[in-house]
C-alpha atoms as a PDB file:
ATOM      1  CA  MET A   1       8.727  13.077 -27.001  1.00  0.00           C
ATOM      2  CA  ALA A   2      10.452  12.118 -23.924  1.00  0.00           C
ATOM      3  CA  ARG A   3      12.341   8.942 -22.126  1.00  0.00           C
ATOM      4  CA  ILE A   4       9.867   7.039 -20.110  1.00  0.00           C
ATOM      5  CA  ASP A   5      12.435   6.802 -17.389  1.00  0.00           C
ATOM      6  CA  ALA A   6      12.471  10.815 -17.367  1.00  0.00           C
ATOM      7  CA  TRP A   7       9.072  10.861 -17.496  1.00  0.00           C
ATOM      8  CA  VAL A   8       8.204   8.979 -14.271  1.00  0.00           C
ATOM      9  CA  TRP A   9      11.094  10.268 -12.772  1.00  0.00           C
ATOM     10  CA  SER A  10      10.344  14.062 -13.420  1.00  0.00           C
ATOM     11  CA  VAL A  11       6.234  13.150 -12.402  1.00  0.00           C
ATOM     12  CA  ARG A  12       7.368  12.100  -8.968  1.00  0.00           C
ATOM     13  CA  LEU A  13       6.780   8.794  -9.215  1.00  0.00           C
ATOM     14  CA  TYR A  14       9.757   7.691  -8.498  1.00  0.00           C
ATOM     15  CA  LYS A  15      12.569   9.370  -6.330  1.00  0.00           C
ATOM     16  CA  THR A  16      15.459   8.888  -8.580  1.00  0.00           C
ATOM     17  CA  ARG A  17      15.880   8.691 -12.272  1.00  0.00           C
ATOM     18  CA  SER A  18      17.889   6.105 -11.598  1.00  0.00           C
ATOM     19  CA  ALA A  19      15.245   4.189  -9.832  1.00  0.00           C
ATOM     20  CA  ALA A  20      13.021   4.987 -12.980  1.00  0.00           C
ATOM     21  CA  ALA A  21      15.855   3.358 -14.830  1.00  0.00           C
ATOM     22  CA  GLU A  22      15.730   0.146 -12.947  1.00  0.00           C
ATOM     23  CA  ALA A  23      12.115  -0.256 -13.095  1.00  0.00           C
ATOM     24  CA  CYS A  24      11.900   0.165 -16.223  1.00  0.00           C
ATOM     25  CA  ARG A  25      14.642  -2.637 -16.637  1.00  0.00           C
ATOM     26  CA  ALA A  26      12.321  -5.535 -14.045  1.00  0.00           C
ATOM     27  CA  GLY A  27       9.351  -5.074 -16.312  1.00  0.00           C
ATOM     28  CA  HIS A  28       8.078  -2.442 -12.859  1.00  0.00           C
ATOM     29  CA  VAL A  29       6.626  -0.034 -15.215  1.00  0.00           C
ATOM     30  CA  LYS A  30       4.827  -0.542 -18.330  1.00  0.00           C
ATOM     31  CA  LEU A  31       3.830   1.529 -21.049  1.00  0.00           C
ATOM     32  CA  ASN A  32       0.056   0.919 -23.187  1.00  0.00           C
ATOM     33  CA  ASP A  33       0.405  -2.300 -20.911  1.00  0.00           C
ATOM     34  CA  ALA A  34       3.748  -3.300 -22.233  1.00  0.00           C
ATOM     35  CA  ALA A  35       6.552  -3.869 -20.321  1.00  0.00           C
ATOM     36  CA  VAL A  36       9.478  -1.291 -21.555  1.00  0.00           C
ATOM     37  CA  LYS A  37      13.114  -0.361 -21.676  1.00  0.00           C
ATOM     38  CA  PRO A  38      13.900   3.023 -20.061  1.00  0.00           C
ATOM     39  CA  ALA A  39      14.192   4.574 -23.260  1.00  0.00           C
ATOM     40  CA  GLN A  40      10.972   4.171 -24.843  1.00  0.00           C
ATOM     41  CA  THR A  41       9.658   7.394 -25.656  1.00  0.00           C
ATOM     42  CA  VAL A  42       6.285   8.444 -24.180  1.00  0.00           C
ATOM     43  CA  ALA A  43       3.814  10.197 -25.733  1.00  0.00           C
ATOM     44  CA  VAL A  44       0.574  12.741 -24.876  1.00  0.00           C
ATOM     45  CA  GLY A  45      -2.955   9.974 -24.147  1.00  0.00           C
ATOM     46  CA  ASP A  46       0.013   7.211 -23.199  1.00  0.00           C
ATOM     47  CA  ARG A  47      -1.225   4.885 -20.229  1.00  0.00           C
ATOM     48  CA  VAL A  48       1.748   4.103 -17.867  1.00  0.00           C
ATOM     49  CA  ARG A  49       1.417   1.710 -14.949  1.00  0.00           C
ATOM     50  CA  ALA A  50       4.227   1.822 -12.735  1.00  0.00           C
ATOM     51  CA  TRP A  51       4.389  -0.747  -9.319  1.00  0.00           C
ATOM     52  CA  VAL A  52       5.810   1.540  -6.866  1.00  0.00           C
ATOM     53  CA  ASN A  53       5.836   0.931  -2.911  1.00  0.00           C
ATOM     54  CA  HIS A  54       3.890  -2.220  -3.168  1.00  0.00           C
ATOM     55  CA  ARG A  55       1.124  -0.032  -4.281  1.00  0.00           C
ATOM     56  CA  GLU A  56       0.391  -0.080  -8.440  1.00  0.00           C
ATOM     57  CA  HIS A  57       0.060   3.924 -10.088  1.00  0.00           C
ATOM     58  CA  ILE A  58      -1.702   3.888 -13.721  1.00  0.00           C
ATOM     59  CA  VAL A  59      -1.559   7.466 -15.100  1.00  0.00           C
ATOM     60  CA  GLU A  60      -2.339   8.696 -18.499  1.00  0.00           C
ATOM     61  CA  VAL A  61      -0.020  11.150 -19.994  1.00  0.00           C
ATOM     62  CA  THR A  62      -1.264  14.388 -20.611  1.00  0.00           C
ATOM     63  CA  GLU A  63       1.830  16.660 -20.720  1.00  0.00           C
ATOM     64  CA  LEU A  64       5.643  16.009 -21.322  1.00  0.00           C
ATOM     65  CA  VAL A  65       8.258  17.204 -18.876  1.00  0.00           C
ATOM     66  CA  SER A  66      11.884  15.736 -19.140  1.00  0.00           C
ATOM     67  CA  LYS A  67      12.728  17.361 -16.152  1.00  0.00           C
ATOM     68  CA  ARG A  68      11.561  17.341 -12.638  1.00  0.00           C
ATOM     69  CA  VAL A  69       9.043  19.843 -11.604  1.00  0.00           C
ATOM     70  CA  GLY A  70       6.944  21.010  -8.525  1.00  0.00           C
ATOM     71  CA  ALA A  71       4.896  18.257  -6.784  1.00  0.00           C
ATOM     72  CA  SER A  72       1.471  20.621  -8.359  1.00  0.00           C
ATOM     73  CA  HIS A  73       3.014  20.978 -11.593  1.00  0.00           C
ATOM     74  CA  ALA A  74       3.908  17.059 -11.596  1.00  0.00           C
ATOM     75  CA  ARG A  75      -0.063  16.224 -10.972  1.00  0.00           C
ATOM     76  CA  GLN A  76      -1.053  18.342 -13.730  1.00  0.00           C
ATOM     77  CA  CYS A  77       1.107  16.208 -16.083  1.00  0.00           C
ATOM     78  CA  TYR A  78      -0.925  12.971 -15.327  1.00  0.00           C
ATOM     79  CA  VAL A  79      -4.256  12.107 -15.205  1.00  0.00           C
ATOM     80  CA  ASP A  80      -4.338   9.439 -11.996  1.00  0.00           C
ATOM     81  CA  HIS A  81      -6.859   6.547 -12.912  1.00  0.00           C
ATOM     82  CA  SER A  82      -4.839   3.992  -9.648  1.00  0.00           C
ATOM     83  CA  PRO A  83      -7.367   1.869  -8.196  1.00  0.00           C
ATOM     84  CA  PRO A  84      -8.139   3.320  -4.161  1.00  0.00           C
ATOM     85  CA  PRO A  85      -5.183   2.215  -1.581  1.00  0.00           C
ATOM     86  CA  PRO A  86      -7.165  -1.159   0.705  1.00  0.00           C
ATOM     87  CA  PRO A  87      -8.464   0.018   4.009  1.00  0.00           C
ATOM     88  CA  LYS A  88      -6.616  -0.126   6.995  1.00  0.00           C
ATOM     89  CA  GLU A  89      -7.961  -2.673   8.547  1.00  0.00           C
ATOM     90  CA  VAL A  90      -7.274  -5.108   5.928  1.00  0.00           C
ATOM     91  CA  LEU A  91      -3.715  -3.957   6.343  1.00  0.00           C
ATOM     92  CA  ALA A  92      -4.312  -4.609   9.905  1.00  0.00           C
ATOM     93  CA  SER A  93      -5.734  -7.769   9.422  1.00  0.00           C
ATOM     94  CA  ILE A  94      -2.218  -9.271   7.881  1.00  0.00           C
ATOM     95  CA  PRO A  95       0.181 -11.479   9.666  1.00  0.00           C
ATOM     96  CA  ARG A  96       3.304 -10.034  10.321  1.00  0.00           C
ATOM     97  CA  ARG A  97       6.677 -11.266  11.730  1.00  0.00           C
ATOM     98  CA  ASP A  98       7.937  -9.550  14.780  1.00  0.00           C
ATOM     99  CA  ARG A  99      11.371  -7.530  13.568  1.00  0.00           C
ATOM    100  CA  GLY A 100      14.777  -9.637  14.480  1.00  0.00           C
ATOM    101  CA  ALA A 101      12.362 -13.156  14.813  1.00  0.00           C
ATOM    102  CA  GLY A 102      14.951 -14.859  12.250  1.00  0.00           C
ATOM    103  CA  ARG A 103      13.713 -17.059   9.165  1.00  0.00           C
ATOM    104  CA  PRO A 104      10.438 -18.909   9.854  1.00  0.00           C
ATOM    105  CA  THR A 105      10.681 -22.179  10.945  1.00  0.00           C
ATOM    106  CA  LYS A 106       9.617 -25.302   9.204  1.00  0.00           C
ATOM    107  CA  ARG A 107       6.689 -25.658  11.438  1.00  0.00           C
ATOM    108  CA  GLU A 108       5.796 -21.867  10.900  1.00  0.00           C
ATOM    109  CA  ARG A 109       5.881 -22.490   7.153  1.00  0.00           C
ATOM    110  CA  ARG A 110       3.679 -24.981   7.058  1.00  0.00           C
ATOM    111  CA  GLN A 111       1.600 -23.267   8.819  1.00  0.00           C
ATOM    112  CA  ILE A 112       1.745 -19.860   6.647  1.00  0.00           C
ATOM    113  CA  ASP A 113       1.561 -22.255   3.612  1.00  0.00           C
ATOM    114  CA  GLN A 114      -1.804 -23.852   4.928  1.00  0.00           C
ATOM    115  CA  LEU A 115      -3.072 -19.999   5.517  1.00  0.00           C
ATOM    116  CA  ARG A 116      -2.469 -19.178   1.714  1.00  0.00           C
ATOM    117  CA  GLY A 117      -4.262 -21.866   0.647  1.00  0.00           C
ATOM    118  CA  ARG A 118      -1.068 -24.130  -0.679  1.00  0.00           C
END
């Protein structure tokens, strides 16, 4: 048995163990579709859903590791069921504010709300 925070860190879904534990506490890591605490144990066959870098990763545990392993060995510890990332055209079409432009004005907030259908 391995702790969920140690497992997601050791298979390189999170960069640090403290980041993995914080993600568990915040509800970004789910084990078999249930939010878990960092000390929850994981077993072979469990499904882990992790929200990492604005993307959802869905993996099935095939091997238990509690120490950080190399990238090639880490890929063998799970089966990836994650949806493919969106195409670059979709990401490029999302409107973004210029960096350093400050907060949106009231008029800009209304336009953003109208764009989002609120």
